C-alpha atoms as a PDB file:
ATOM      1  CA  MET A   1       0.334  -9.030  16.012  1.00  0.00           C
ATOM      2  CA  SER A   2      -0.454  -5.650  14.516  1.00  0.00           C
ATOM      3  CA  LEU A   3       2.077  -3.210  13.151  1.00  0.00           C
ATOM      4  CA  ASN A   4       3.388  -0.463  15.401  1.00  0.00           C
ATOM      5  CA  LEU A   5       4.772   2.941  14.497  1.00  0.00           C
ATOM      6  CA  ASP A   6       8.388   1.705  14.546  1.00  0.00           C
ATOM      7  CA  ASP A   7       7.499  -1.048  12.046  1.00  0.00           C
ATOM      8  CA  ALA A   8       5.642   1.391   9.820  1.00  0.00           C
ATOM      9  CA  SER A   9       8.497   3.904   9.944  1.00  0.00           C
ATOM     10  CA  ARG A  10      11.014   1.239   8.942  1.00  0.00           C
ATOM     11  CA  VAL A  11       8.830   0.158   6.001  1.00  0.00           C
ATOM     12  CA  ILE A  12       8.427   3.755   4.871  1.00  0.00           C
ATOM     13  CA  GLN A  13      12.119   4.634   5.189  1.00  0.00           C
ATOM     14  CA  THR A  14      13.157   1.597   3.157  1.00  0.00           C
ATOM     15  CA  ALA A  15      10.507   2.132   0.473  1.00  0.00           C
ATOM     16  CA  VAL A  16      11.461   5.821   0.174  1.00  0.00           C
ATOM     17  CA  ALA A  17      15.153   4.897  -0.103  1.00  0.00           C
ATOM     18  CA  ARG A  18      14.316   2.536  -2.978  1.00  0.00           C
ATOM     19  CA  ALA A  19      12.273   5.262  -4.669  1.00  0.00           C
ATOM     20  CA  SER A  20      15.211   7.666  -4.340  1.00  0.00           C
ATOM     21  CA  ASN A  21      17.486   5.079  -5.950  1.00  0.00           C
ATOM     22  CA  LEU A  22      14.976   4.736  -8.795  1.00  0.00           C
ATOM     23  CA  GLY A  23      14.821   8.516  -9.204  1.00  0.00           C
ATOM     24  CA  ILE A  24      11.101   8.766  -8.451  1.00  0.00           C
ATOM     25  CA  ARG A  25       9.042  10.598  -5.832  1.00  0.00           C
ATOM     26  CA  VAL A  26       6.437   8.526  -4.064  1.00  0.00           C
ATOM     27  CA  THR A  27       4.072   8.444  -1.151  1.00  0.00           C
ATOM     28  CA  VAL A  28       4.088   5.393   1.130  1.00  0.00           C
ATOM     29  CA  ALA A  29       1.193   4.432   3.385  1.00  0.00           C
ATOM     30  CA  VAL A  30       1.208   1.702   6.033  1.00  0.00           C
ATOM     31  CA  VAL A  31      -2.062   0.508   7.544  1.00  0.00           C
ATOM     32  CA  ASP A  32      -2.872  -2.046  10.242  1.00  0.00           C
ATOM     33  CA  GLU A  33      -4.930  -5.204   9.750  1.00  0.00           C
ATOM     34  CA  GLY A  34      -8.128  -3.169  10.021  1.00  0.00           C
ATOM     35  CA  GLY A  35      -7.070  -0.783   7.257  1.00  0.00           C
ATOM     36  CA  HIS A  36      -6.399   2.078   9.678  1.00  0.00           C
ATOM     37  CA  LEU A  37      -3.518   4.357   8.837  1.00  0.00           C
ATOM     38  CA  VAL A  38      -0.432   3.817  10.993  1.00  0.00           C
ATOM     39  CA  ALA A  39       1.940   6.096   9.074  1.00  0.00           C
ATOM     40  CA  LEU A  40       2.185   7.944   5.771  1.00  0.00           C
ATOM     41  CA  SER A  41       5.007   9.839   4.121  1.00  0.00           C
ATOM     42  CA  ARG A  42       5.024  11.906   0.912  1.00  0.00           C
ATOM     43  CA  MET A  43       8.442  12.608  -0.541  1.00  0.00           C
ATOM     44  CA  ASP A  44       9.293  16.224  -1.306  1.00  0.00           C
ATOM     45  CA  GLY A  45       8.041  17.030  -4.789  1.00  0.00           C
ATOM     46  CA  ALA A  46       5.603  14.105  -4.965  1.00  0.00           C
ATOM     47  CA  PRO A  47       2.189  15.051  -6.382  1.00  0.00           C
ATOM     48  CA  PRO A  48      -0.421  16.086  -3.796  1.00  0.00           C
ATOM     49  CA  LEU A  49      -2.974  13.366  -4.689  1.00  0.00           C
ATOM     50  CA  LEU A  50      -0.553  10.514  -3.935  1.00  0.00           C
ATOM     51  CA  PRO A  51      -1.366  10.227  -0.205  1.00  0.00           C
ATOM     52  CA  GLN A  52      -4.972   9.285  -0.972  1.00  0.00           C
ATOM     53  CA  ILE A  53      -3.893   6.825  -3.671  1.00  0.00           C
ATOM     54  CA  ALA A  54      -1.222   5.158  -1.522  1.00  0.00           C
ATOM     55  CA  GLU A  55      -3.651   4.817   1.387  1.00  0.00           C
ATOM     56  CA  GLY A  56      -6.345   3.396  -0.921  1.00  0.00           C
ATOM     57  CA  LYS A  57      -3.861   0.830  -2.192  1.00  0.00           C
ATOM     58  CA  ALA A  58      -2.807  -0.136   1.331  1.00  0.00           C
ATOM     59  CA  VAL A  59      -6.390  -0.367   2.599  1.00  0.00           C
ATOM     60  CA  GLY A  60      -7.358  -2.608  -0.311  1.00  0.00           C
ATOM     61  CA  ALA A  61      -4.471  -4.974   0.370  1.00  0.00           C
ATOM     62  CA  ALA A  62      -5.359  -5.133   4.067  1.00  0.00           C
ATOM     63  CA  MET A  63      -9.128  -5.474   3.704  1.00  0.00           C
ATOM     64  CA  LEU A  64      -8.964  -8.235   1.083  1.00  0.00           C
ATOM     65  CA  ASN A  65      -5.574  -9.697   2.102  1.00  0.00           C
ATOM     66  CA  ARG A  66      -4.322  -9.605  -1.472  1.00  0.00           C
ATOM     67  CA  ASP A  67      -1.574  -7.738  -3.294  1.00  0.00           C
ATOM     68  CA  GLY A  68      -2.456  -4.882  -5.608  1.00  0.00           C
ATOM     69  CA  ALA A  69      -1.976  -6.780  -8.864  1.00  0.00           C
ATOM     70  CA  THR A  70      -4.419  -9.452  -7.676  1.00  0.00           C
ATOM     71  CA  LEU A  71      -6.871  -6.730  -6.626  1.00  0.00           C
ATOM     72  CA  LEU A  72      -6.617  -5.160 -10.088  1.00  0.00           C
ATOM     73  CA  GLN A  73      -7.438  -8.492 -11.693  1.00  0.00           C
ATOM     74  CA  MET A  74     -10.363  -8.904  -9.286  1.00  0.00           C
ATOM     75  CA  ALA A  75     -11.648  -5.413 -10.127  1.00  0.00           C
ATOM     76  CA  GLN A  76     -11.466  -6.221 -13.847  1.00  0.00           C
ATOM     77  CA  ASP A  77     -12.997  -9.694 -13.545  1.00  0.00           C
ATOM     78  CA  ARG A  78     -15.675  -8.850 -10.984  1.00  0.00           C
ATOM     79  CA  PRO A  79     -16.509  -5.130 -11.222  1.00  0.00           C
ATOM     80  CA  HIS A  80     -20.001  -5.657  -9.782  1.00  0.00           C
ATOM     81  CA  PHE A  81     -18.358  -7.090  -6.652  1.00  0.00           C
ATOM     82  CA  PHE A  82     -15.315  -4.841  -6.386  1.00  0.00           C
ATOM     83  CA  GLY A  83     -17.168  -1.552  -6.883  1.00  0.00           C
ATOM     84  CA  PRO A  84     -19.628  -1.994  -4.009  1.00  0.00           C
ATOM     85  CA  VAL A  85     -16.968  -3.465  -1.709  1.00  0.00           C
ATOM     86  CA  SER A  86     -14.751  -0.453  -2.383  1.00  0.00           C
ATOM     87  CA  ARG A  87     -17.529   1.837  -1.184  1.00  0.00           C
ATOM     88  CA  MET A  88     -17.886  -0.130   2.075  1.00  0.00           C
ATOM     89  CA  THR A  89     -14.472   0.885   3.355  1.00  0.00           C
ATOM     90  CA  ARG A  90     -13.341   4.073   5.059  1.00  0.00           C
ATOM     91  CA  VAL A  91     -11.456   5.138   1.915  1.00  0.00           C
ATOM     92  CA  PRO A  92     -12.004   3.960  -1.677  1.00  0.00           C
ATOM     93  CA  LEU A  93      -9.916   0.905  -2.556  1.00  0.00           C
ATOM     94  CA  VAL A  94      -7.316   1.470  -5.257  1.00  0.00           C
ATOM     95  CA  PRO A  95      -6.382  -1.725  -7.114  1.00  0.00           C
ATOM     96  CA  GLY A  96      -3.031  -2.021  -8.863  1.00  0.00           C
ATOM     97  CA  PRO A  97       0.607  -2.895  -8.287  1.00  0.00           C
ATOM     98  CA  GLY A  98       2.222  -1.169  -5.345  1.00  0.00           C
ATOM     99  CA  SER A  99       0.403  -2.691  -2.402  1.00  0.00           C
ATOM    100  CA  ILE A 100       1.304  -5.780  -0.418  1.00  0.00           C
ATOM    101  CA  PRO A 101      -0.252  -7.353   2.672  1.00  0.00           C
ATOM    102  CA  ILE A 102       2.102  -7.732   5.641  1.00  0.00           C
ATOM    103  CA  GLN A 103       1.968 -11.096   7.393  1.00  0.00           C
ATOM    104  CA  ARG A 104       3.219 -11.941  10.881  1.00  0.00           C
ATOM    105  CA  ASP A 105       3.129 -15.445  12.289  1.00  0.00           C
ATOM    106  CA  GLY A 106       0.894 -16.486   9.405  1.00  0.00           C
ATOM    107  CA  ARG A 107      -1.665 -13.758  10.114  1.00  0.00           C
ATOM    108  CA  LEU A 108      -2.442 -10.440   8.476  1.00  0.00           C
ATOM    109  CA  ALA A 109      -0.752  -7.599  10.381  1.00  0.00           C
ATOM    110  CA  GLY A 110      -1.364  -4.772   7.916  1.00  0.00           C
ATOM    111  CA  SER A 111      -0.193  -3.656   4.502  1.00  0.00           C
ATOM    112  CA  VAL A 112       1.921  -1.169   2.614  1.00  0.00           C
ATOM    113  CA  GLY A 113       0.815   0.931  -0.349  1.00  0.00           C
ATOM    114  CA  VAL A 114       3.062   2.971  -2.633  1.00  0.00           C
ATOM    115  CA  SER A 115       2.107   5.454  -5.342  1.00  0.00           C
ATOM    116  CA  GLY A 116       4.114   7.772  -7.558  1.00  0.00           C
ATOM    117  CA  GLY A 117       6.078   5.675 -10.009  1.00  0.00           C
ATOM    118  CA  LYS A 118       5.225   3.269 -12.780  1.00  0.00           C
ATOM    119  CA  PRO A 119       3.268   0.259 -11.503  1.00  0.00           C
ATOM    120  CA  GLU A 120       6.352  -1.964 -11.389  1.00  0.00           C
ATOM    121  CA  GLN A 121       8.314   0.758  -9.548  1.00  0.00           C
ATOM    122  CA  ASP A 122       5.573   1.167  -6.953  1.00  0.00           C
ATOM    123  CA  HIS A 123       5.611  -2.610  -6.434  1.00  0.00           C
ATOM    124  CA  GLU A 124       9.416  -2.662  -6.145  1.00  0.00           C
ATOM    125  CA  CYS A 125       9.306   0.061  -3.465  1.00  0.00           C
ATOM    126  CA  ALA A 126       6.555  -1.763  -1.560  1.00  0.00           C
ATOM    127  CA  GLU A 127       8.544  -5.021  -1.663  1.00  0.00           C
ATOM    128  CA  ALA A 128      11.646  -3.214  -0.392  1.00  0.00           C
ATOM    129  CA  GLY A 129       9.648  -1.752   2.487  1.00  0.00           C
ATOM    130  CA  LEU A 130       8.177  -5.146   3.347  1.00  0.00           C
ATOM    131  CA  ALA A 131      11.633  -6.734   3.327  1.00  0.00           C
ATOM    132  CA  SER A 132      12.721  -4.326   6.074  1.00  0.00           C
ATOM    133  CA  LEU A 133      10.548  -6.105   8.641  1.00  0.00           C
END
């Protein structure tokens, strides 16, 4: 089952609340299992490039069904694979902490990507958003 707008909104609201508690400004993107944007939100004062980064993180997690830290390791270990694969998607894939696949009934339903804080803060916000489902 894919994610709907209500699911995506809940993930975003929870991730943004965690970012507020951490004192950071982030952008949160939620994509479906095909890597298509369902919802995106940029907090007031967050840098203008963050929407593209958050979406690239989310798309990477959805397309390869791996979290951002694993994607970063893959990009480092296999750059001749990761580089071309990144160019095959609608948006460039952005490896790194802050993206997590979303599973439903044992199947990929989409993913969340967060950008704006330190890597561990982005990951913490993404985990908080995922926990809201």
